PDB file of all heavy atoms in Angstrom:
ATOM      1  N   HIS A   1     -18.432   4.704   8.308  1.00  0.00           N
ATOM      2  CA  HIS A   1     -19.041   3.389   8.527  1.00  0.00           C
ATOM      3  C   HIS A   1     -19.753   2.906   7.259  1.00  0.00           C
ATOM      4  O   HIS A   1     -19.700   1.712   6.923  1.00  0.00           O
ATOM      5  CB  HIS A   1     -20.027   3.457   9.689  1.00  0.00           C
ATOM      6  CG  HIS A   1     -19.368   3.706  11.013  1.00  0.00           C
ATOM      7  ND1 HIS A   1     -18.386   2.891  11.536  1.00  0.00           N
ATOM      8  CD2 HIS A   1     -19.537   4.706  11.919  1.00  0.00           C
ATOM      9  CE1 HIS A   1     -17.989   3.350  12.703  1.00  0.00           C
ATOM     10  NE2 HIS A   1     -18.668   4.468  12.957  1.00  0.00           N
ATOM     11  N   LEU A   2     -20.418   3.819   6.558  1.00  0.00           N
ATOM     12  CA  LEU A   2     -21.051   3.448   5.287  1.00  0.00           C
ATOM     13  C   LEU A   2     -20.003   3.039   4.258  1.00  0.00           C
ATOM     14  O   LEU A   2     -20.181   2.071   3.510  1.00  0.00           O
ATOM     15  CB  LEU A   2     -21.885   4.622   4.764  1.00  0.00           C
ATOM     16  CG  LEU A   2     -23.114   4.998   5.598  1.00  0.00           C
ATOM     17  CD1 LEU A   2     -23.763   6.262   5.037  1.00  0.00           C
ATOM     18  CD2 LEU A   2     -24.122   3.856   5.609  1.00  0.00           C
ATOM     19  N   PHE A   3     -18.901   3.811   4.219  1.00  0.00           N
ATOM     20  CA  PHE A   3     -17.806   3.474   3.294  1.00  0.00           C
ATOM     21  C   PHE A   3     -17.211   2.119   3.630  1.00  0.00           C
ATOM     22  O   PHE A   3     -16.939   1.302   2.734  1.00  0.00           O
ATOM     23  CB  PHE A   3     -16.733   4.558   3.367  1.00  0.00           C
ATOM     24  CG  PHE A   3     -15.480   4.230   2.606  1.00  0.00           C
ATOM     25  CD1 PHE A   3     -15.432   4.382   1.232  1.00  0.00           C
ATOM     26  CD2 PHE A   3     -14.351   3.751   3.275  1.00  0.00           C
ATOM     27  CE1 PHE A   3     -14.277   4.068   0.531  1.00  0.00           C
ATOM     28  CE2 PHE A   3     -13.202   3.436   2.586  1.00  0.00           C
ATOM     29  CZ  PHE A   3     -13.154   3.597   1.204  1.00  0.00           C
ATOM     30  N   ALA A   4     -17.006   1.857   4.947  1.00  0.00           N
ATOM     31  CA  ALA A   4     -16.434   0.574   5.367  1.00  0.00           C
ATOM     32  C   ALA A   4     -17.361  -0.585   5.016  1.00  0.00           C
ATOM     33  O   ALA A   4     -16.909  -1.652   4.574  1.00  0.00           O
ATOM     34  CB  ALA A   4     -16.154   0.597   6.869  1.00  0.00           C
ATOM     35  N   ALA A   5     -18.678  -0.384   5.205  1.00  0.00           N
ATOM     36  CA  ALA A   5     -19.635  -1.440   4.868  1.00  0.00           C
ATOM     37  C   ALA A   5     -19.613  -1.738   3.375  1.00  0.00           C
ATOM     38  O   ALA A   5     -19.653  -2.904   2.954  1.00  0.00           O
ATOM     39  CB  ALA A   5     -21.038  -1.018   5.308  1.00  0.00           C
ATOM     40  N   ALA A   6     -19.530  -0.676   2.548  1.00  0.00           N
ATOM     41  CA  ALA A   6     -19.462  -0.878   1.101  1.00  0.00           C
ATOM     42  C   ALA A   6     -18.162  -1.582   0.718  1.00  0.00           C
ATOM     43  O   ALA A   6     -18.150  -2.477  -0.139  1.00  0.00           O
ATOM     44  CB  ALA A   6     -19.571   0.468   0.386  1.00  0.00           C
ATOM     45  N   TRP A   7     -17.058  -1.194   1.362  1.00  0.00           N
ATOM     46  CA  TRP A   7     -15.757  -1.811   1.078  1.00  0.00           C
ATOM     47  C   TRP A   7     -15.760  -3.299   1.445  1.00  0.00           C
ATOM     48  O   TRP A   7     -15.254  -4.141   0.685  1.00  0.00           O
ATOM     49  CB  TRP A   7     -14.674  -1.077   1.845  1.00  0.00           C
ATOM     50  CG  TRP A   7     -13.284  -1.590   1.631  1.00  0.00           C
ATOM     51  CD1 TRP A   7     -12.567  -2.409   2.448  1.00  0.00           C
ATOM     52  CD2 TRP A   7     -12.451  -1.337   0.490  1.00  0.00           C
ATOM     53  NE1 TRP A   7     -11.333  -2.682   1.912  1.00  0.00           N
ATOM     54  CE2 TRP A   7     -11.231  -2.038   0.711  1.00  0.00           C
ATOM     55  CE3 TRP A   7     -12.614  -0.595  -0.662  1.00  0.00           C
ATOM     56  CZ2 TRP A   7     -10.187  -2.002  -0.210  1.00  0.00           C
ATOM     57  CZ3 TRP A   7     -11.559  -0.562  -1.574  1.00  0.00           C
ATOM     58  CH2 TRP A   7     -10.380  -1.253  -1.351  1.00  0.00           C
ATOM     59  N   GLU A   8     -16.361  -3.617   2.612  1.00  0.00           N
ATOM     60  CA  GLU A   8     -16.436  -5.011   3.022  1.00  0.00           C
ATOM     61  C   GLU A   8     -17.340  -5.809   2.089  1.00  0.00           C
ATOM     62  O   GLU A   8     -17.099  -6.984   1.831  1.00  0.00           O
ATOM     63  CB  GLU A   8     -16.946  -5.094   4.458  1.00  0.00           C
ATOM     64  CG  GLU A   8     -15.960  -4.572   5.487  1.00  0.00           C
ATOM     65  CD  GLU A   8     -16.529  -4.566   6.884  1.00  0.00           C
ATOM     66  OE1 GLU A   8     -17.753  -4.813   7.010  1.00  0.00           O
ATOM     67  OE2 GLU A   8     -15.784  -4.308   7.839  1.00  0.00           O
ATOM     68  N   GLY A   9     -18.396  -5.157   1.568  1.00  0.00           N
ATOM     69  CA  GLY A   9     -19.278  -5.853   0.637  1.00  0.00           C
ATOM     70  C   GLY A   9     -18.582  -6.194  -0.664  1.00  0.00           C
ATOM     71  O   GLY A   9     -18.832  -7.248  -1.262  1.00  0.00           O
ATOM     72  N   VAL A  10     -17.664  -5.307  -1.097  1.00  0.00           N
ATOM     73  CA  VAL A  10     -16.926  -5.557  -2.340  1.00  0.00           C
ATOM     74  C   VAL A  10     -15.852  -6.620  -2.127  1.00  0.00           C
ATOM     75  O   VAL A  10     -15.675  -7.520  -2.949  1.00  0.00           O
ATOM     76  CB  VAL A  10     -16.299  -4.242  -2.856  1.00  0.00           C
ATOM     77  CG1 VAL A  10     -15.373  -4.524  -4.037  1.00  0.00           C
ATOM     78  CG2 VAL A  10     -17.387  -3.262  -3.261  1.00  0.00           C
ATOM     79  N   ARG A  11     -15.117  -6.516  -0.995  1.00  0.00           N
ATOM     80  CA  ARG A  11     -14.010  -7.437  -0.733  1.00  0.00           C
ATOM     81  C   ARG A  11     -14.473  -8.772  -0.152  1.00  0.00           C
ATOM     82  O   ARG A  11     -13.694  -9.722  -0.078  1.00  0.00           O
ATOM     83  CB  ARG A  11     -13.021  -6.782   0.225  1.00  0.00           C
ATOM     84  CG  ARG A  11     -12.391  -5.523  -0.344  1.00  0.00           C
ATOM     85  CD  ARG A  11     -11.429  -4.873   0.633  1.00  0.00           C
ATOM     86  NE  ARG A  11     -10.206  -5.654   0.784  1.00  0.00           N
ATOM     87  CZ  ARG A  11      -9.833  -6.280   1.893  1.00  0.00           C
ATOM     88  NH1 ARG A  11     -10.627  -6.240   2.962  1.00  0.00           N
ATOM     89  NH2 ARG A  11      -8.706  -6.951   1.955  1.00  0.00           N
ATOM     90  N   ARG A  12     -15.700  -8.839   0.323  1.00  0.00           N
ATOM     91  CA  ARG A  12     -16.274 -10.064   0.890  1.00  0.00           C
ATOM     92  C   ARG A  12     -15.573 -10.506   2.173  1.00  0.00           C
ATOM     93  O   ARG A  12     -15.614 -11.688   2.534  1.00  0.00           O
ATOM     94  CB  ARG A  12     -16.211 -11.209  -0.140  1.00  0.00           C
ATOM     95  CG  ARG A  12     -16.973 -10.956  -1.423  1.00  0.00           C
ATOM     96  CD  ARG A  12     -18.458 -10.911  -1.179  1.00  0.00           C
ATOM     97  NE  ARG A  12     -19.201 -10.723  -2.418  1.00  0.00           N
ATOM     98  CZ  ARG A  12     -20.517 -10.626  -2.486  1.00  0.00           C
ATOM     99  NH1 ARG A  12     -21.236 -10.714  -1.372  1.00  0.00           N
ATOM    100  NH2 ARG A  12     -21.129 -10.464  -3.645  1.00  0.00           N
ATOM    101  N   ARG A  13     -14.948  -9.587   2.856  1.00  0.00           N
ATOM    102  CA  ARG A  13     -14.362  -9.902   4.158  1.00  0.00           C
ATOM    103  C   ARG A  13     -14.236  -8.606   4.954  1.00  0.00           C
ATOM    104  O   ARG A  13     -14.097  -7.527   4.384  1.00  0.00           O
ATOM    105  CB  ARG A  13     -13.004 -10.594   4.024  1.00  0.00           C
ATOM    106  CG  ARG A  13     -11.941  -9.813   3.299  1.00  0.00           C
ATOM    107  CD  ARG A  13     -10.634 -10.619   3.317  1.00  0.00           C
ATOM    108  NE  ARG A  13      -9.551  -9.911   2.691  1.00  0.00           N
ATOM    109  CZ  ARG A  13      -9.251  -9.970   1.407  1.00  0.00           C
ATOM    110  NH1 ARG A  13      -9.998 -10.734   0.601  1.00  0.00           N
ATOM    111  NH2 ARG A  13      -8.230  -9.303   0.909  1.00  0.00           N
ATOM    112  N   PRO A  14     -14.312  -8.714   6.285  1.00  0.00           N
ATOM    113  CA  PRO A  14     -14.302  -7.508   7.114  1.00  0.00           C
ATOM    114  C   PRO A  14     -12.937  -6.820   7.138  1.00  0.00           C
ATOM    115  O   PRO A  14     -11.900  -7.452   6.899  1.00  0.00           O
ATOM    116  CB  PRO A  14     -14.679  -8.035   8.506  1.00  0.00           C
ATOM    117  CG  PRO A  14     -14.209  -9.459   8.489  1.00  0.00           C
ATOM    118  CD  PRO A  14     -14.423  -9.951   7.087  1.00  0.00           C
ATOM    119  N   ILE A  15     -12.977  -5.528   7.438  1.00  0.00           N
ATOM    120  CA  ILE A  15     -11.736  -4.782   7.611  1.00  0.00           C
ATOM    121  C   ILE A  15     -11.078  -5.220   8.914  1.00  0.00           C
ATOM    122  O   ILE A  15     -11.766  -5.373   9.932  1.00  0.00           O
ATOM    123  CB  ILE A  15     -12.032  -3.268   7.653  1.00  0.00           C
ATOM    124  CG1 ILE A  15     -12.618  -2.808   6.317  1.00  0.00           C
ATOM    125  CG2 ILE A  15     -10.772  -2.466   7.961  1.00  0.00           C
ATOM    126  CD1 ILE A  15     -13.029  -1.350   6.297  1.00  0.00           C
ATOM    127  N   PRO A  16      -9.763  -5.454   8.917  1.00  0.00           N
ATOM    128  CA  PRO A  16      -9.086  -5.901  10.155  1.00  0.00           C
ATOM    129  C   PRO A  16      -9.360  -4.953  11.319  1.00  0.00           C
ATOM    130  O   PRO A  16      -9.416  -3.731  11.143  1.00  0.00           O
ATOM    131  CB  PRO A  16      -7.606  -5.892   9.751  1.00  0.00           C
ATOM    132  CG  PRO A  16      -7.618  -6.077   8.261  1.00  0.00           C
ATOM    133  CD  PRO A  16      -8.853  -5.371   7.781  1.00  0.00           C
ATOM    134  N   MET A  17      -9.533  -5.528  12.517  1.00  0.00           N
ATOM    135  CA  MET A  17      -9.839  -4.738  13.694  1.00  0.00           C
ATOM    136  C   MET A  17      -8.761  -3.705  13.979  1.00  0.00           C
ATOM    137  O   MET A  17      -9.051  -2.574  14.376  1.00  0.00           O
ATOM    138  CB  MET A  17     -10.009  -5.665  14.901  1.00  0.00           C
ATOM    139  CG  MET A  17     -10.445  -4.940  16.174  1.00  0.00           C
ATOM    140  SD  MET A  17     -12.032  -4.074  15.968  1.00  0.00           S
ATOM    141  CE  MET A  17     -13.122  -5.512  15.732  1.00  0.00           C
ATOM    142  N   ARG A  18      -7.488  -4.079  13.777  1.00  0.00           N
ATOM    143  CA  ARG A  18      -6.393  -3.143  14.034  1.00  0.00           C
ATOM    144  C   ARG A  18      -6.488  -1.930  13.106  1.00  0.00           C
ATOM    145  O   ARG A  18      -6.259  -0.797  13.533  1.00  0.00           O
ATOM    146  CB  ARG A  18      -5.050  -3.846  13.830  1.00  0.00           C
ATOM    147  CG  ARG A  18      -3.825  -2.958  14.106  1.00  0.00           C
ATOM    148  CD  ARG A  18      -3.864  -2.390  15.508  1.00  0.00           C
ATOM    149  NE  ARG A  18      -2.702  -1.549  15.772  1.00  0.00           N
ATOM    150  CZ  ARG A  18      -2.588  -0.729  16.811  1.00  0.00           C
ATOM    151  NH1 ARG A  18      -3.578  -0.677  17.699  1.00  0.00           N
ATOM    152  NH2 ARG A  18      -1.507  -0.005  16.979  1.00  0.00           N
ATOM    153  N   ALA A  19      -6.851  -2.173  11.844  1.00  0.00           N
ATOM    154  CA  ALA A  19      -6.997  -1.072  10.891  1.00  0.00           C
ATOM    155  C   ALA A  19      -8.133  -0.147  11.313  1.00  0.00           C
ATOM    156  O   ALA A  19      -8.028   1.083  11.190  1.00  0.00           O
ATOM    157  CB  ALA A  19      -7.248  -1.624   9.488  1.00  0.00           C
ATOM    158  N   ARG A  20      -9.231  -0.730  11.822  1.00  0.00           N
ATOM    159  CA  ARG A  20     -10.351   0.087  12.307  1.00  0.00           C
ATOM    160  C   ARG A  20      -9.927   0.949  13.495  1.00  0.00           C
ATOM    161  O   ARG A  20     -10.303   2.116  13.601  1.00  0.00           O
ATOM    162  CB  ARG A  20     -11.519  -0.813  12.704  1.00  0.00           C
ATOM    163  CG  ARG A  20     -12.330  -1.367  11.534  1.00  0.00           C
ATOM    164  CD  ARG A  20     -13.478  -2.192  12.061  1.00  0.00           C
ATOM    165  NE  ARG A  20     -14.367  -2.631  10.997  1.00  0.00           N
ATOM    166  CZ  ARG A  20     -15.398  -1.931  10.539  1.00  0.00           C
ATOM    167  NH1 ARG A  20     -15.665  -0.746  11.074  1.00  0.00           N
ATOM    168  NH2 ARG A  20     -16.162  -2.396   9.574  1.00  0.00           N
ATOM    169  N   GLU A  21      -9.148   0.360  14.417  1.00  0.00           N
ATOM    170  CA  GLU A  21      -8.712   1.109  15.595  1.00  0.00           C
ATOM    171  C   GLU A  21      -7.824   2.282  15.204  1.00  0.00           C
ATOM    172  O   GLU A  21      -7.980   3.397  15.720  1.00  0.00           O
ATOM    173  CB  GLU A  21      -7.951   0.172  16.542  1.00  0.00           C
ATOM    174  CG  GLU A  21      -8.842  -0.883  17.195  1.00  0.00           C
ATOM    175  CD  GLU A  21      -8.037  -1.853  18.043  1.00  0.00           C
ATOM    176  OE1 GLU A  21      -6.779  -1.776  17.993  1.00  0.00           O
ATOM    177  OE2 GLU A  21      -8.654  -2.686  18.742  1.00  0.00           O
ATOM    178  N   ILE A  22      -6.902   2.044  14.267  1.00  0.00           N
ATOM    179  CA  ILE A  22      -6.018   3.130  13.811  1.00  0.00           C
ATOM    180  C   ILE A  22      -6.831   4.213  13.112  1.00  0.00           C
ATOM    181  O   ILE A  22      -6.619   5.418  13.320  1.00  0.00           O
ATOM    182  CB  ILE A  22      -4.927   2.574  12.876  1.00  0.00           C
ATOM    183  CG1 ILE A  22      -4.000   1.633  13.644  1.00  0.00           C
ATOM    184  CG2 ILE A  22      -4.132   3.716  12.241  1.00  0.00           C
ATOM    185  CD1 ILE A  22      -2.975   0.942  12.776  1.00  0.00           C
ATOM    186  N   ALA A  23      -7.780   3.791  12.265  1.00  0.00           N
ATOM    187  CA  ALA A  23      -8.612   4.757  11.551  1.00  0.00           C
ATOM    188  C   ALA A  23      -9.422   5.607  12.524  1.00  0.00           C
ATOM    189  O   ALA A  23      -9.556   6.825  12.342  1.00  0.00           O
ATOM    190  CB  ALA A  23      -9.536   4.022  10.585  1.00  0.00           C
ATOM    191  N   ASN A  24      -9.949   4.971  13.570  1.00  0.00           N
ATOM    192  CA  ASN A  24     -10.735   5.717  14.562  1.00  0.00           C
ATOM    193  C   ASN A  24      -9.870   6.727  15.319  1.00  0.00           C
ATOM    194  O   ASN A  24     -10.310   7.845  15.605  1.00  0.00           O
ATOM    195  CB  ASN A  24     -11.397   4.761  15.548  1.00  0.00           C
ATOM    196  CG  ASN A  24     -12.566   4.014  14.935  1.00  0.00           C
ATOM    197  OD1 ASN A  24     -13.187   4.495  13.993  1.00  0.00           O
ATOM    198  ND2 ASN A  24     -12.859   2.836  15.449  1.00  0.00           N
ATOM    199  N   MET A  25      -8.635   6.354  15.650  1.00  0.00           N
ATOM    200  CA  MET A  25      -7.742   7.279  16.336  1.00  0.00           C
ATOM    201  C   MET A  25      -7.385   8.466  15.440  1.00  0.00           C
ATOM    202  O   MET A  25      -7.358   9.611  15.893  1.00  0.00           O
ATOM    203  CB  MET A  25      -6.479   6.548  16.798  1.00  0.00           C
ATOM    204  CG  MET A  25      -6.708   5.606  17.972  1.00  0.00           C
ATOM    205  SD  MET A  25      -5.166   4.929  18.656  1.00  0.00           S
ATOM    206  CE  MET A  25      -4.674   3.842  17.312  1.00  0.00           C
ATOM    207  N   VAL A  26      -7.134   8.176  14.161  1.00  0.00           N
ATOM    208  CA  VAL A  26      -6.834   9.251  13.206  1.00  0.00           C
ATOM    209  C   VAL A  26      -8.050  10.163  13.042  1.00  0.00           C
ATOM    210  O   VAL A  26      -7.927  11.393  13.032  1.00  0.00           O
ATOM    211  CB  VAL A  26      -6.413   8.666  11.845  1.00  0.00           C
ATOM    212  CG1 VAL A  26      -6.299   9.774  10.798  1.00  0.00           C
ATOM    213  CG2 VAL A  26      -5.086   7.934  11.969  1.00  0.00           C
ATOM    214  N   GLY A  27      -9.229   9.552  12.929  1.00  0.00           N
ATOM    215  CA  GLY A  27     -10.450  10.354  12.784  1.00  0.00           C
ATOM    216  C   GLY A  27     -10.717  11.221  13.997  1.00  0.00           C
ATOM    217  O   GLY A  27     -11.116  12.386  13.867  1.00  0.00           O
ATOM    218  N   LEU A  28     -10.490  10.678  15.194  1.00  0.00           N
ATOM    219  CA  LEU A  28     -10.690  11.454  16.416  1.00  0.00           C
ATOM    220  C   LEU A  28      -9.720  12.632  16.470  1.00  0.00           C
ATOM    221  O   LEU A  28     -10.105  13.748  16.846  1.00  0.00           O
ATOM    222  CB  LEU A  28     -10.496  10.550  17.644  1.00  0.00           C
ATOM    223  CG  LEU A  28     -10.662  11.231  19.012  1.00  0.00           C
ATOM    224  CD1 LEU A  28     -12.060  11.821  19.150  1.00  0.00           C
ATOM    225  CD2 LEU A  28     -10.384  10.235  20.135  1.00  0.00           C
ATOM    226  N   ALA A  29      -8.466  12.398  16.084  1.00  0.00           N
ATOM    227  CA  ALA A  29      -7.482  13.480  16.064  1.00  0.00           C
ATOM    228  C   ALA A  29      -7.880  14.565  15.075  1.00  0.00           C
ATOM    229  O   ALA A  29      -7.746  15.764  15.352  1.00  0.00           O
ATOM    230  CB  ALA A  29      -6.105  12.919  15.710  1.00  0.00           C
ATOM    231  N   MET A  30      -8.401  14.153  13.907  1.00  0.00           N
ATOM    232  CA  MET A  30      -8.843  15.123  12.903  1.00  0.00           C
ATOM    233  C   MET A  30      -9.994  15.966  13.420  1.00  0.00           C
ATOM    234  O   MET A  30     -10.034  17.190  13.222  1.00  0.00           O
ATOM    235  CB  MET A  30      -9.257  14.389  11.623  1.00  0.00           C
ATOM    236  CG  MET A  30      -8.119  13.730  10.877  1.00  0.00           C
ATOM    237  SD  MET A  30      -8.691  12.741   9.470  1.00  0.00           S
ATOM    238  CE  MET A  30      -9.471  13.990   8.447  1.00  0.00           C
ATOM    239  N   LEU A  31     -10.957  15.323  14.103  1.00  0.00           N
ATOM    240  CA  LEU A  31     -12.099  16.063  14.636  1.00  0.00           C
ATOM    241  C   LEU A  31     -11.684  17.019  15.746  1.00  0.00           C
ATOM    242  O   LEU A  31     -12.184  18.145  15.831  1.00  0.00           O
ATOM    243  CB  LEU A  31     -13.161  15.084  15.152  1.00  0.00           C
ATOM    244  CG  LEU A  31     -13.949  14.327  14.083  1.00  0.00           C
ATOM    245  CD1 LEU A  31     -14.999  13.438  14.743  1.00  0.00           C
ATOM    246  CD2 LEU A  31     -14.633  15.283  13.118  1.00  0.00           C
ATOM    247  N   LEU A  32     -10.760  16.584  16.615  1.00  0.00           N
ATOM    248  CA  LEU A  32     -10.276  17.469  17.680  1.00  0.00           C
ATOM    249  C   LEU A  32      -9.551  18.678  17.089  1.00  0.00           C
ATOM    250  O   LEU A  32      -9.717  19.812  17.568  1.00  0.00           O
ATOM    251  CB  LEU A  32      -9.346  16.702  18.617  1.00  0.00           C
ATOM    252  CG  LEU A  32     -10.016  15.632  19.501  1.00  0.00           C
ATOM    253  CD1 LEU A  32      -8.966  14.864  20.295  1.00  0.00           C
ATOM    254  CD2 LEU A  32     -11.041  16.268  20.431  1.00  0.00           C
ATOM    255  N   LEU A  33      -8.763  18.439  16.035  1.00  0.00           N
ATOM    256  CA  LEU A  33      -8.073  19.546  15.367  1.00  0.00           C
ATOM    257  C   LEU A  33      -9.073  20.492  14.724  1.00  0.00           C
ATOM    258  O   LEU A  33      -8.935  21.725  14.815  1.00  0.00           O
ATOM    259  CB  LEU A  33      -7.115  18.993  14.309  1.00  0.00           C
ATOM    260  CG  LEU A  33      -6.363  20.037  13.467  1.00  0.00           C
ATOM    261  CD1 LEU A  33      -5.488  20.908  14.363  1.00  0.00           C
ATOM    262  CD2 LEU A  33      -5.520  19.351  12.397  1.00  0.00           C
ATOM    263  N   LEU A  34     -10.108  19.919  14.087  1.00  0.00           N
ATOM    264  CA  LEU A  34     -11.140  20.746  13.462  1.00  0.00           C
ATOM    265  C   LEU A  34     -11.869  21.580  14.515  1.00  0.00           C
ATOM    266  O   LEU A  34     -12.132  22.777  14.300  1.00  0.00           O
ATOM    267  CB  LEU A  34     -12.133  19.854  12.714  1.00  0.00           C
ATOM    268  CG  LEU A  34     -13.317  20.566  12.039  1.00  0.00           C
ATOM    269  CD1 LEU A  34     -12.819  21.534  10.980  1.00  0.00           C
ATOM    270  CD2 LEU A  34     -14.281  19.555  11.437  1.00  0.00           C
ATOM    271  N   MET A  35     -12.200  20.978  15.658  1.00  0.00           N
ATOM    272  CA  MET A  35     -12.878  21.712  16.727  1.00  0.00           C
ATOM    273  C   MET A  35     -12.016  22.866  17.230  1.00  0.00           C
ATOM    274  O   MET A  35     -12.510  23.969  17.480  1.00  0.00           O
ATOM    275  CB  MET A  35     -13.221  20.755  17.876  1.00  0.00           C
ATOM    276  CG  MET A  35     -14.324  19.766  17.556  1.00  0.00           C
ATOM    277  SD  MET A  35     -14.586  18.577  18.905  1.00  0.00           S
ATOM    278  CE  MET A  35     -15.051  19.683  20.235  1.00  0.00           C
ATOM    279  N   ALA A  36     -10.719  22.607  17.385  1.00  0.00           N
ATOM    280  CA  ALA A  36      -9.818  23.667  17.856  1.00  0.00           C
ATOM    281  C   ALA A  36      -9.765  24.820  16.856  1.00  0.00           C
ATOM    282  O   ALA A  36      -9.761  25.998  17.235  1.00  0.00           O
ATOM    283  CB  ALA A  36      -8.419  23.093  18.082  1.00  0.00           C
ATOM    284  N   MET A  37      -9.750  24.492  15.572  1.00  0.00           N
ATOM    285  CA  MET A  37      -9.650  25.525  14.538  1.00  0.00           C
ATOM    286  C   MET A  37     -10.923  26.369  14.464  1.00  0.00           C
ATOM    287  O   MET A  37     -10.865  27.594  14.323  1.00  0.00           O
ATOM    288  CB  MET A  37      -9.345  24.871  13.186  1.00  0.00           C
ATOM    289  CG  MET A  37      -7.975  24.206  13.132  1.00  0.00           C
ATOM    290  SD  MET A  37      -7.692  23.267  11.603  1.00  0.00           S
ATOM    291  CE  MET A  37      -7.604  24.595  10.398  1.00  0.00           C
ATOM    292  N   VAL A  38     -12.105  25.724  14.563  1.00  0.00           N
ATOM    293  CA  VAL A  38     -13.346  26.502  14.483  1.00  0.00           C
ATOM    294  C   VAL A  38     -13.550  27.323  15.755  1.00  0.00           C
ATOM    295  O   VAL A  38     -14.107  28.426  15.697  1.00  0.00           O
ATOM    296  CB  VAL A  38     -14.572  25.590  14.213  1.00  0.00           C
ATOM    297  CG1 VAL A  38     -14.452  24.910  12.866  1.00  0.00           C
ATOM    298  CG2 VAL A  38     -14.770  24.568  15.313  1.00  0.00           C
TER     299      VAL A  38
END
């Protein structure tokens, strides 16, 4: 979220909602995989 806020501040426009949704799904999958591994 901090990275996204900095990116939006540089580009002067918000990240598309669809891109955020895909990123969140990828992040959730990564965390679930990490939890399974630990």
